[in-house]
Structure formats: C-alpha cells, structure tokens
Amino acid sequence: MTNEPEQQPGAGVPDAFGRLWTPHRMAYIKGENKPSGSGPGDGCPFCEIPTMSDEDGLIVARGSAVFAVLNLYPYNSGHLMVCPYRHVADYADLDEAETAELADFTKRSLQALRKASGAQGFNVGMNLGQVAGAGIAAHLHQHVVPRWGGDTNFMPVVGQTKVLPQLLRDTRELLADAWPSA
C-alpha cells in the first residue's frame, strides 16, 4: 500500500489534499429552480411544492395556511422553512390566520428539531426582499436552522463547504415523525 494520492483523470495534478465534492450545490449557484418573475405562476418553488407528495416536496408538515419544508440547499442539517401557501412577499401582508399559524409552525419546528436531533440552539428569521438576502423574495418564508455546540468547523470557513451527514429524505422522515400535534 502506498501513501501517494489516488490518480483521478481530469481532476488536475495529484496533491496531498482530499476533495469533498458537493455537485448538488451547483444548481443553487447557477440559480436553477429560481422563479422567472415575482408572480405565483412564474415558477415559484414555494407555490409548486405543496402540489407534490410530502416525500417528493420534502414537506415535514402541512397546516391550513402554512407548511413546513426542508430547505433544498440547507445551511445545516434539519434546516426548515415555514411558508404560507399564499404567494405573498411581505410579512406585513399576511392575514391574521397566516400570521398565527406561521408562529405556531415555527414553535413546532423548534420542538421537532429538538426531539429528532437534539438541537441546542437555533437561528430563526426571514430575509424580506432581495437586498436583505432573500433567495426567493417574492414568496415569504421563515428559516429555522438548528445549531449545535461546535457545529462550526474548518469546512465552511476554509472550504466554503457544509458537511451534511444525512440525506434530505431521511431528515424529512425523522422530522415528520417528531412533529408535535396541535
């Protein structure tokens, strides 16, 4: 057995570094699946996801006004989003029922993530408007990102890569099973 790097045709000159390939991120980088406009019929994924099965849409739970869905391009394992069914961009434009259920689903997201993954903390929030960092500004969505002590390491800092230890379908199933009833 030799300690020389494995030859990988087309991968460049061999060196002592290993590679963690994340080709699934290229869809996000290229802007694939982004709406073509700001209307609900302009390819909005948050309007299309509820028409799919829970498994195919990565939906964790459905309510009457909102749904909880895994982020297809997560910041951390278990990264959920709570979205109204109605195509609305601004939090101030939600009606009272949507506002109440969005708050309730955010609380239930925290409970499910604690139960399923032992999350020790959370980043919860919305980016309203493109200039505020919203990837899909035309359809409001609240992020619920679980955090653990020591979950920041050299990968995101040096390699601009997040290591996600579980497939999204498996994460969806765990969270759906842990979702608290009303």
N, C-alpha and C. Protein backbone atom coordinates (compact mmCIF):
# COMPACT_ATOMS: atom_id res chain seq x y z
N MET A 1 0.85 -1.18 0.00
CA MET A 1 0.00 0.00 0.00
C MET A 1 0.88 1.23 0.00
N THR A 2 0.51 2.20 -0.81
CA THR A 2 1.30 3.42 -0.94
C THR A 2 0.53 4.60 -0.37
N ASN A 3 1.25 5.63 0.04
CA ASN A 3 0.61 6.84 0.57
C ASN A 3 0.45 7.91 -0.50
N GLU A 4 0.69 7.56 -1.74
CA GLU A 4 0.57 8.55 -2.81
C GLU A 4 -0.90 8.78 -3.12
N PRO A 5 -1.23 10.03 -3.51
CA PRO A 5 -2.62 10.33 -3.84
C PRO A 5 -3.12 9.49 -5.00
N GLU A 6 -4.39 9.13 -4.93
CA GLU A 6 -5.01 8.36 -5.99
C GLU A 6 -5.10 9.21 -7.26
N GLN A 7 -4.75 8.60 -8.39
CA GLN A 7 -4.85 9.30 -9.67
C GLN A 7 -6.32 9.44 -10.05
N GLN A 8 -6.71 10.65 -10.39
CA GLN A 8 -8.08 10.91 -10.82
C GLN A 8 -8.02 11.66 -12.15
N PRO A 9 -8.17 10.94 -13.25
CA PRO A 9 -8.09 11.59 -14.56
C PRO A 9 -9.04 12.79 -14.64
N GLY A 10 -8.51 13.90 -15.12
CA GLY A 10 -9.32 15.09 -15.29
C GLY A 10 -9.49 15.92 -14.03
N ALA A 11 -8.92 15.47 -12.92
CA ALA A 11 -9.09 16.19 -11.65
C ALA A 11 -7.90 17.09 -11.34
N GLY A 12 -6.98 17.22 -12.25
CA GLY A 12 -5.83 18.09 -12.02
C GLY A 12 -4.63 17.30 -11.56
N VAL A 13 -3.62 18.03 -11.11
CA VAL A 13 -2.38 17.43 -10.67
C VAL A 13 -2.59 16.84 -9.28
N PRO A 14 -2.22 15.58 -9.07
CA PRO A 14 -2.40 14.97 -7.75
C PRO A 14 -1.61 15.74 -6.68
N ASP A 15 -2.20 15.87 -5.52
CA ASP A 15 -1.53 16.50 -4.39
C ASP A 15 -1.94 15.76 -3.11
N ALA A 16 -1.60 16.29 -1.99
CA ALA A 16 -1.87 15.61 -0.72
C ALA A 16 -3.26 15.92 -0.17
N PHE A 17 -4.05 16.73 -0.88
CA PHE A 17 -5.36 17.11 -0.37
C PHE A 17 -6.44 16.14 -0.82
N GLY A 18 -7.38 15.86 0.07
CA GLY A 18 -8.58 15.14 -0.30
C GLY A 18 -9.59 16.12 -0.85
N ARG A 19 -10.60 15.64 -1.53
CA ARG A 19 -11.63 16.50 -2.10
C ARG A 19 -13.00 16.07 -1.59
N LEU A 20 -13.78 17.04 -1.21
CA LEU A 20 -15.17 16.78 -0.85
C LEU A 20 -16.01 17.46 -1.92
N TRP A 21 -16.53 16.67 -2.82
CA TRP A 21 -17.29 17.23 -3.93
C TRP A 21 -18.73 17.46 -3.49
N THR A 22 -19.26 18.63 -3.81
CA THR A 22 -20.65 18.95 -3.50
C THR A 22 -21.35 19.44 -4.77
N PRO A 23 -21.48 18.56 -5.77
CA PRO A 23 -22.05 18.99 -7.04
C PRO A 23 -23.51 19.42 -6.94
N HIS A 24 -24.24 18.96 -5.92
CA HIS A 24 -25.63 19.37 -5.77
C HIS A 24 -25.76 20.88 -5.54
N ARG A 25 -24.71 21.52 -5.04
CA ARG A 25 -24.74 22.96 -4.80
C ARG A 25 -24.69 23.77 -6.09
N MET A 26 -24.24 23.16 -7.19
CA MET A 26 -24.14 23.89 -8.44
C MET A 26 -25.51 24.38 -8.92
N ALA A 27 -26.55 23.62 -8.66
CA ALA A 27 -27.90 24.06 -9.05
C ALA A 27 -28.24 25.38 -8.36
N TYR A 28 -27.88 25.50 -7.09
CA TYR A 28 -28.14 26.74 -6.35
C TYR A 28 -27.27 27.88 -6.88
N ILE A 29 -26.00 27.59 -7.12
CA ILE A 29 -25.06 28.61 -7.60
C ILE A 29 -25.52 29.15 -8.95
N LYS A 30 -26.01 28.27 -9.82
CA LYS A 30 -26.46 28.69 -11.15
C LYS A 30 -27.85 29.31 -11.13
N GLY A 31 -28.53 29.25 -10.00
CA GLY A 31 -29.86 29.83 -9.91
C GLY A 31 -30.96 28.96 -10.48
N GLU A 32 -30.69 27.66 -10.62
CA GLU A 32 -31.72 26.75 -11.12
C GLU A 32 -32.88 26.71 -10.13
N ASN A 33 -34.06 26.50 -10.63
CA ASN A 33 -35.29 26.45 -9.84
C ASN A 33 -35.67 27.79 -9.23
N LYS A 34 -35.04 28.87 -9.67
CA LYS A 34 -35.43 30.20 -9.21
C LYS A 34 -36.60 30.66 -10.06
N PRO A 35 -37.54 31.38 -9.47
CA PRO A 35 -38.67 31.89 -10.24
C PRO A 35 -38.20 32.82 -11.36
N SER A 36 -38.96 32.83 -12.44
CA SER A 36 -38.63 33.71 -13.57
C SER A 36 -39.18 35.11 -13.36
N GLY A 37 -40.08 35.27 -12.42
CA GLY A 37 -40.68 36.57 -12.10
C GLY A 37 -41.20 36.56 -10.68
N SER A 38 -42.01 37.55 -10.33
CA SER A 38 -42.47 37.65 -8.95
C SER A 38 -43.87 37.11 -8.73
N GLY A 39 -44.55 36.66 -9.78
CA GLY A 39 -45.90 36.15 -9.63
C GLY A 39 -45.94 34.68 -9.25
N PRO A 40 -47.08 34.22 -8.72
CA PRO A 40 -47.18 32.82 -8.31
C PRO A 40 -47.06 31.84 -9.48
N GLY A 41 -47.36 32.27 -10.70
CA GLY A 41 -47.24 31.40 -11.86
C GLY A 41 -45.90 31.49 -12.55
N ASP A 42 -44.94 32.13 -11.93
CA ASP A 42 -43.62 32.35 -12.55
C ASP A 42 -42.58 31.34 -12.07
N GLY A 43 -43.03 30.13 -11.74
CA GLY A 43 -42.09 29.09 -11.34
C GLY A 43 -41.68 29.16 -9.88
N CYS A 44 -42.50 29.73 -9.02
CA CYS A 44 -42.16 29.83 -7.59
C CYS A 44 -42.16 28.43 -6.97
N PRO A 45 -41.02 27.99 -6.44
CA PRO A 45 -40.98 26.65 -5.84
C PRO A 45 -41.89 26.53 -4.62
N PHE A 46 -42.11 27.61 -3.88
CA PHE A 46 -42.96 27.54 -2.70
C PHE A 46 -44.44 27.44 -3.06
N CYS A 47 -44.78 27.77 -4.30
CA CYS A 47 -46.14 27.54 -4.80
C CYS A 47 -46.26 26.13 -5.38
N GLU A 48 -45.18 25.60 -5.93
CA GLU A 48 -45.19 24.28 -6.55
C GLU A 48 -45.07 23.15 -5.53
N ILE A 49 -44.28 23.34 -4.48
CA ILE A 49 -44.01 22.28 -3.50
C ILE A 49 -45.29 21.70 -2.90
N PRO A 50 -46.28 22.51 -2.50
CA PRO A 50 -47.48 21.92 -1.90
C PRO A 50 -48.28 21.01 -2.84
N THR A 51 -48.04 21.08 -4.15
CA THR A 51 -48.74 20.20 -5.09
C THR A 51 -48.09 18.82 -5.17
N MET A 52 -46.94 18.68 -4.55
CA MET A 52 -46.19 17.41 -4.57
C MET A 52 -46.55 16.56 -3.36
N SER A 53 -46.16 15.29 -3.40
CA SER A 53 -46.28 14.46 -2.20
C SER A 53 -45.32 15.02 -1.15
N ASP A 54 -45.57 14.70 0.11
CA ASP A 54 -44.69 15.17 1.17
C ASP A 54 -43.25 14.71 0.93
N GLU A 55 -43.08 13.47 0.50
CA GLU A 55 -41.75 12.92 0.29
C GLU A 55 -41.04 13.65 -0.85
N ASP A 56 -41.73 13.84 -1.97
CA ASP A 56 -41.09 14.49 -3.12
C ASP A 56 -40.84 15.97 -2.88
N GLY A 57 -41.73 16.63 -2.16
CA GLY A 57 -41.58 18.06 -1.88
C GLY A 57 -40.76 18.35 -0.64
N LEU A 58 -40.35 17.31 0.09
CA LEU A 58 -39.62 17.42 1.36
C LEU A 58 -40.43 18.18 2.41
N ILE A 59 -41.75 18.01 2.36
CA ILE A 59 -42.65 18.67 3.31
C ILE A 59 -42.66 17.87 4.61
N VAL A 60 -42.43 18.57 5.70
CA VAL A 60 -42.42 17.95 7.02
C VAL A 60 -43.83 17.94 7.62
N ALA A 61 -44.57 19.04 7.44
CA ALA A 61 -45.93 19.15 7.99
C ALA A 61 -46.72 20.17 7.18
N ARG A 62 -48.04 19.94 7.11
CA ARG A 62 -48.95 20.84 6.42
C ARG A 62 -49.99 21.36 7.40
N GLY A 63 -50.25 22.64 7.31
CA GLY A 63 -51.33 23.24 8.07
C GLY A 63 -52.39 23.74 7.11
N SER A 64 -53.31 24.56 7.61
CA SER A 64 -54.34 25.09 6.74
C SER A 64 -53.86 26.34 5.99
N ALA A 65 -52.91 27.09 6.56
CA ALA A 65 -52.43 28.33 5.94
C ALA A 65 -50.95 28.29 5.59
N VAL A 66 -50.18 27.41 6.25
CA VAL A 66 -48.74 27.32 6.03
C VAL A 66 -48.30 25.86 6.00
N PHE A 67 -47.06 25.66 5.55
CA PHE A 67 -46.45 24.33 5.58
C PHE A 67 -44.99 24.47 5.98
N ALA A 68 -44.43 23.38 6.53
CA ALA A 68 -43.01 23.33 6.90
C ALA A 68 -42.31 22.41 5.91
N VAL A 69 -41.19 22.89 5.35
CA VAL A 69 -40.48 22.15 4.32
C VAL A 69 -38.98 22.23 4.58
N LEU A 70 -38.27 21.17 4.26
CA LEU A 70 -36.81 21.21 4.36
C LEU A 70 -36.26 22.12 3.27
N ASN A 71 -35.20 22.83 3.61
CA ASN A 71 -34.51 23.66 2.63
C ASN A 71 -33.71 22.73 1.72
N LEU A 72 -33.89 22.88 0.42
CA LEU A 72 -33.18 22.05 -0.55
C LEU A 72 -31.69 22.36 -0.57
N TYR A 73 -31.30 23.57 -0.12
CA TYR A 73 -29.90 24.00 -0.05
C TYR A 73 -29.61 24.43 1.38
N PRO A 74 -29.56 23.47 2.32
CA PRO A 74 -29.52 23.81 3.74
C PRO A 74 -28.20 24.41 4.23
N TYR A 75 -28.33 25.28 5.24
CA TYR A 75 -27.16 25.81 5.93
C TYR A 75 -26.65 24.79 6.95
N ASN A 76 -27.54 23.99 7.48
CA ASN A 76 -27.22 22.95 8.45
C ASN A 76 -28.21 21.80 8.26
N SER A 77 -27.89 20.63 8.73
CA SER A 77 -28.83 19.51 8.69
C SER A 77 -30.09 19.90 9.45
N GLY A 78 -31.23 19.60 8.87
CA GLY A 78 -32.50 19.91 9.51
C GLY A 78 -33.02 21.31 9.24
N HIS A 79 -32.36 22.06 8.37
CA HIS A 79 -32.77 23.44 8.05
C HIS A 79 -34.17 23.42 7.44
N LEU A 80 -35.13 23.94 8.19
CA LEU A 80 -36.53 24.01 7.76
C LEU A 80 -36.90 25.41 7.33
N MET A 81 -37.98 25.49 6.57
CA MET A 81 -38.60 26.78 6.26
C MET A 81 -40.09 26.63 6.48
N VAL A 82 -40.70 27.66 7.03
CA VAL A 82 -42.14 27.70 7.21
C VAL A 82 -42.67 28.72 6.20
N CYS A 83 -43.58 28.27 5.33
CA CYS A 83 -44.04 29.09 4.21
C CYS A 83 -45.56 29.16 4.20
N PRO A 84 -46.13 30.33 3.92
CA PRO A 84 -47.57 30.37 3.68
C PRO A 84 -47.86 29.75 2.32
N TYR A 85 -49.05 29.16 2.18
CA TYR A 85 -49.45 28.65 0.87
C TYR A 85 -49.64 29.82 -0.10
N ARG A 86 -50.17 30.91 0.42
CA ARG A 86 -50.45 32.07 -0.42
C ARG A 86 -49.15 32.72 -0.84
N HIS A 87 -49.08 33.10 -2.10
CA HIS A 87 -47.89 33.75 -2.66
C HIS A 87 -47.90 35.21 -2.20
N VAL A 88 -47.13 35.48 -1.16
CA VAL A 88 -47.06 36.83 -0.58
C VAL A 88 -45.61 37.10 -0.21
N ALA A 89 -45.15 38.32 -0.46
CA ALA A 89 -43.73 38.63 -0.25
C ALA A 89 -43.43 39.24 1.11
N ASP A 90 -44.35 39.96 1.68
CA ASP A 90 -44.05 40.74 2.87
C ASP A 90 -44.80 40.22 4.10
N TYR A 91 -44.10 40.10 5.19
CA TYR A 91 -44.70 39.64 6.45
C TYR A 91 -45.91 40.49 6.84
N ALA A 92 -45.84 41.78 6.59
CA ALA A 92 -46.93 42.69 6.95
C ALA A 92 -48.19 42.42 6.13
N ASP A 93 -48.07 41.68 5.03
CA ASP A 93 -49.22 41.38 4.18
C ASP A 93 -49.91 40.06 4.54
N LEU A 94 -49.38 39.33 5.52
CA LEU A 94 -50.06 38.11 5.97
C LEU A 94 -51.34 38.48 6.70
N ASP A 95 -52.36 37.64 6.55
CA ASP A 95 -53.57 37.87 7.34
C ASP A 95 -53.37 37.26 8.73
N GLU A 96 -54.34 37.47 9.60
CA GLU A 96 -54.16 37.02 11.00
C GLU A 96 -54.02 35.51 11.11
N ALA A 97 -54.78 34.76 10.33
CA ALA A 97 -54.69 33.30 10.39
C ALA A 97 -53.32 32.82 9.92
N GLU A 98 -52.80 33.42 8.85
CA GLU A 98 -51.46 33.05 8.35
C GLU A 98 -50.39 33.40 9.37
N THR A 99 -50.49 34.58 9.97
CA THR A 99 -49.51 35.01 10.97
C THR A 99 -49.51 34.06 12.16
N ALA A 100 -50.70 33.71 12.63
CA ALA A 100 -50.81 32.82 13.80
C ALA A 100 -50.26 31.43 13.50
N GLU A 101 -50.61 30.89 12.35
CA GLU A 101 -50.14 29.54 12.04
C GLU A 101 -48.65 29.53 11.73
N LEU A 102 -48.13 30.58 11.12
CA LEU A 102 -46.69 30.67 10.87
C LEU A 102 -45.94 30.66 12.21
N ALA A 103 -46.44 31.40 13.19
CA ALA A 103 -45.81 31.41 14.52
C ALA A 103 -45.92 30.03 15.17
N ASP A 104 -47.09 29.39 15.06
CA ASP A 104 -47.29 28.07 15.65
C ASP A 104 -46.37 27.03 14.99
N PHE A 105 -46.25 27.06 13.66
CA PHE A 105 -45.38 26.11 12.96
C PHE A 105 -43.91 26.36 13.27
N THR A 106 -43.55 27.60 13.52
CA THR A 106 -42.17 27.89 13.92
C THR A 106 -41.89 27.25 15.27
N LYS A 107 -42.82 27.38 16.21
CA LYS A 107 -42.66 26.74 17.53
C LYS A 107 -42.58 25.23 17.39
N ARG A 108 -43.44 24.66 16.57
CA ARG A 108 -43.43 23.20 16.39
C ARG A 108 -42.15 22.74 15.69
N SER A 109 -41.61 23.57 14.79
CA SER A 109 -40.33 23.25 14.15
C SER A 109 -39.23 23.12 15.18
N LEU A 110 -39.20 24.06 16.13
CA LEU A 110 -38.21 24.02 17.20
C LEU A 110 -38.36 22.74 18.01
N GLN A 111 -39.60 22.40 18.35
CA GLN A 111 -39.85 21.19 19.15
C GLN A 111 -39.43 19.93 18.40
N ALA A 112 -39.79 19.85 17.12
CA ALA A 112 -39.45 18.66 16.32
C ALA A 112 -37.94 18.52 16.16
N LEU A 113 -37.26 19.64 15.92
CA LEU A 113 -35.80 19.58 15.75
C LEU A 113 -35.10 19.21 17.05
N ARG A 114 -35.59 19.71 18.17
CA ARG A 114 -35.00 19.30 19.46
C ARG A 114 -35.19 17.82 19.69
N LYS A 115 -36.40 17.33 19.43
CA LYS A 115 -36.71 15.92 19.65
C LYS A 115 -35.94 15.01 18.70
N ALA A 116 -35.90 15.35 17.41
CA ALA A 116 -35.29 14.47 16.41
C ALA A 116 -33.78 14.54 16.38
N SER A 117 -33.21 15.72 16.70
CA SER A 117 -31.77 15.87 16.50
C SER A 117 -31.02 16.42 17.71
N GLY A 118 -31.73 16.74 18.77
CA GLY A 118 -31.05 17.29 19.95
C GLY A 118 -30.45 18.66 19.72
N ALA A 119 -31.07 19.44 18.81
CA ALA A 119 -30.55 20.79 18.54
C ALA A 119 -30.44 21.57 19.84
N GLN A 120 -29.33 22.29 19.98
CA GLN A 120 -29.06 23.05 21.21
C GLN A 120 -29.38 24.53 21.08
N GLY A 121 -29.59 24.99 19.87
CA GLY A 121 -29.92 26.38 19.62
C GLY A 121 -30.45 26.51 18.20
N PHE A 122 -30.88 27.71 17.84
CA PHE A 122 -31.49 27.92 16.53
C PHE A 122 -31.19 29.31 16.00
N ASN A 123 -31.13 29.42 14.70
CA ASN A 123 -31.23 30.70 14.01
C ASN A 123 -32.62 30.68 13.38
N VAL A 124 -33.44 31.68 13.71
CA VAL A 124 -34.80 31.77 13.19
C VAL A 124 -34.97 33.15 12.59
N GLY A 125 -35.45 33.22 11.35
CA GLY A 125 -35.68 34.54 10.79
C GLY A 125 -36.06 34.53 9.34
N MET A 126 -36.35 35.74 8.87
CA MET A 126 -36.76 35.97 7.48
C MET A 126 -35.85 37.00 6.85
N ASN A 127 -35.59 36.81 5.58
CA ASN A 127 -34.90 37.81 4.77
C ASN A 127 -35.98 38.39 3.86
N LEU A 128 -36.43 39.58 4.16
CA LEU A 128 -37.51 40.20 3.39
C LEU A 128 -36.93 41.12 2.34
N GLY A 129 -37.06 40.72 1.09
CA GLY A 129 -36.52 41.50 -0.02
C GLY A 129 -35.18 40.97 -0.47
N GLN A 130 -34.92 41.13 -1.74
CA GLN A 130 -33.66 40.64 -2.31
C GLN A 130 -32.45 41.30 -1.67
N VAL A 131 -32.53 42.61 -1.39
CA VAL A 131 -31.39 43.31 -0.80
C VAL A 131 -31.11 42.84 0.63
N ALA A 132 -32.09 42.19 1.25
CA ALA A 132 -31.91 41.65 2.60
C ALA A 132 -31.39 40.22 2.56
N GLY A 133 -31.18 39.68 1.36
CA GLY A 133 -30.61 38.35 1.24
C GLY A 133 -31.60 37.25 0.89
N ALA A 134 -32.85 37.62 0.60
CA ALA A 134 -33.84 36.60 0.25
C ALA A 134 -33.50 35.99 -1.10
N GLY A 135 -33.31 34.67 -1.13
CA GLY A 135 -33.05 33.98 -2.38
C GLY A 135 -34.28 33.95 -3.26
N ILE A 136 -35.44 33.84 -2.64
CA ILE A 136 -36.73 33.91 -3.34
C ILE A 136 -37.54 34.97 -2.61
N ALA A 137 -37.40 36.19 -3.04
CA ALA A 137 -38.00 37.33 -2.34
C ALA A 137 -39.50 37.44 -2.54
N ALA A 138 -40.04 36.86 -3.59
CA ALA A 138 -41.45 37.04 -3.92
C ALA A 138 -42.38 36.19 -3.05
N HIS A 139 -41.84 35.18 -2.37
CA HIS A 139 -42.68 34.31 -1.53
C HIS A 139 -42.03 34.20 -0.15
N LEU A 140 -42.66 34.82 0.81
CA LEU A 140 -42.18 34.85 2.18
C LEU A 140 -41.90 33.44 2.71
N HIS A 141 -40.84 33.29 3.45
CA HIS A 141 -40.53 32.03 4.11
C HIS A 141 -39.66 32.32 5.33
N GLN A 142 -39.97 31.64 6.41
CA GLN A 142 -39.21 31.80 7.66
C GLN A 142 -38.24 30.63 7.81
N HIS A 143 -36.98 30.94 8.00
CA HIS A 143 -35.95 29.91 8.18
C HIS A 143 -35.88 29.49 9.65
N VAL A 144 -35.74 28.18 9.87
CA VAL A 144 -35.48 27.63 11.20
C VAL A 144 -34.27 26.72 11.03
N VAL A 145 -33.12 27.20 11.51
CA VAL A 145 -31.85 26.49 11.32
C VAL A 145 -31.35 25.98 12.67
N PRO A 146 -31.30 24.64 12.85
CA PRO A 146 -30.80 24.10 14.11
C PRO A 146 -29.30 24.29 14.24
N ARG A 147 -28.85 24.45 15.48
CA ARG A 147 -27.42 24.64 15.76
C ARG A 147 -27.02 23.75 16.93
N TRP A 148 -25.75 23.36 16.93
CA TRP A 148 -25.16 22.55 17.99
C TRP A 148 -23.83 23.15 18.37
N GLY A 149 -23.43 22.97 19.62
CA GLY A 149 -22.11 23.41 20.05
C GLY A 149 -21.04 22.75 19.20
N GLY A 150 -20.15 23.55 18.64
CA GLY A 150 -19.07 23.00 17.84
C GLY A 150 -19.45 22.67 16.42
N ASP A 151 -20.65 23.11 15.95
CA ASP A 151 -21.03 22.76 14.58
C ASP A 151 -20.34 23.63 13.53
N THR A 152 -19.57 24.59 13.96
CA THR A 152 -18.78 25.37 13.01
C THR A 152 -17.36 24.82 13.06
N ASN A 153 -16.86 24.45 11.90
CA ASN A 153 -15.51 23.90 11.84
C ASN A 153 -14.79 24.50 10.64
N PHE A 154 -13.70 23.92 10.25
CA PHE A 154 -12.90 24.49 9.17
C PHE A 154 -13.56 24.39 7.81
N MET A 155 -14.49 23.47 7.61
CA MET A 155 -15.06 23.26 6.28
C MET A 155 -15.74 24.52 5.73
N PRO A 156 -16.67 25.15 6.46
CA PRO A 156 -17.29 26.35 5.90
C PRO A 156 -16.34 27.53 5.85
N VAL A 157 -15.41 27.59 6.78
CA VAL A 157 -14.50 28.73 6.85
C VAL A 157 -13.44 28.67 5.76
N VAL A 158 -12.81 27.51 5.61
CA VAL A 158 -11.72 27.37 4.66
C VAL A 158 -12.20 26.82 3.32
N GLY A 159 -13.09 25.86 3.36
CA GLY A 159 -13.51 25.18 2.14
C GLY A 159 -14.81 25.66 1.53
N GLN A 160 -15.47 26.63 2.17
CA GLN A 160 -16.77 27.11 1.71
C GLN A 160 -17.71 25.94 1.42
N THR A 161 -17.69 24.95 2.29
CA THR A 161 -18.47 23.73 2.13
C THR A 161 -19.08 23.35 3.46
N LYS A 162 -20.36 22.98 3.45
CA LYS A 162 -21.02 22.44 4.63
C LYS A 162 -21.06 20.93 4.49
N VAL A 163 -20.78 20.22 5.54
CA VAL A 163 -20.87 18.77 5.54
C VAL A 163 -22.21 18.41 6.15
N LEU A 164 -23.06 17.77 5.36
CA LEU A 164 -24.39 17.36 5.81
C LEU A 164 -24.38 15.84 5.92
N PRO A 165 -24.53 15.31 7.13
CA PRO A 165 -24.33 13.88 7.34
C PRO A 165 -25.53 13.00 7.00
N GLN A 166 -26.61 13.58 6.48
CA GLN A 166 -27.81 12.79 6.26
C GLN A 166 -28.51 13.25 4.98
N LEU A 167 -29.11 12.30 4.28
CA LEU A 167 -29.87 12.63 3.08
C LEU A 167 -31.13 13.40 3.47
N LEU A 168 -31.55 14.34 2.62
CA LEU A 168 -32.72 15.17 2.93
C LEU A 168 -33.97 14.33 3.15
N ARG A 169 -34.17 13.29 2.38
CA ARG A 169 -35.37 12.44 2.56
C ARG A 169 -35.36 11.78 3.94
N ASP A 170 -34.19 11.36 4.42
CA ASP A 170 -34.11 10.75 5.75
C ASP A 170 -34.37 11.79 6.84
N THR A 171 -33.84 13.00 6.65
CA THR A 171 -34.09 14.08 7.61
C THR A 171 -35.56 14.42 7.64
N ARG A 172 -36.19 14.51 6.47
CA ARG A 172 -37.63 14.82 6.39
C ARG A 172 -38.45 13.80 7.16
N GLU A 173 -38.12 12.53 7.00
CA GLU A 173 -38.86 11.47 7.68
C GLU A 173 -38.71 11.58 9.20
N LEU A 174 -37.49 11.81 9.66
CA LEU A 174 -37.27 11.96 11.11
C LEU A 174 -38.05 13.13 11.68
N LEU A 175 -38.03 14.26 10.99
CA LEU A 175 -38.72 15.45 11.49
C LEU A 175 -40.23 15.30 11.41
N ALA A 176 -40.74 14.67 10.35
CA ALA A 176 -42.18 14.44 10.24
C ALA A 176 -42.65 13.54 11.37
N ASP A 177 -41.84 12.52 11.71
CA ASP A 177 -42.20 11.63 12.82
C ASP A 177 -42.15 12.35 14.16
N ALA A 178 -41.28 13.34 14.29
CA ALA A 178 -41.13 14.08 15.55
C ALA A 178 -42.05 15.30 15.64
N TRP A 179 -42.78 15.61 14.56
CA TRP A 179 -43.62 16.82 14.52
C TRP A 179 -44.71 16.73 15.57
N PRO A 180 -44.80 17.73 16.48
CA PRO A 180 -45.83 17.69 17.53
C PRO A 180 -47.21 17.98 16.97
N SER A 181 -48.20 17.29 17.52
CA SER A 181 -49.58 17.53 17.10
C SER A 181 -50.09 18.84 17.69
N ALA A 182 -51.16 19.33 17.12
CA ALA A 182 -51.71 20.63 17.55
C ALA A 182 -52.27 20.56 18.96
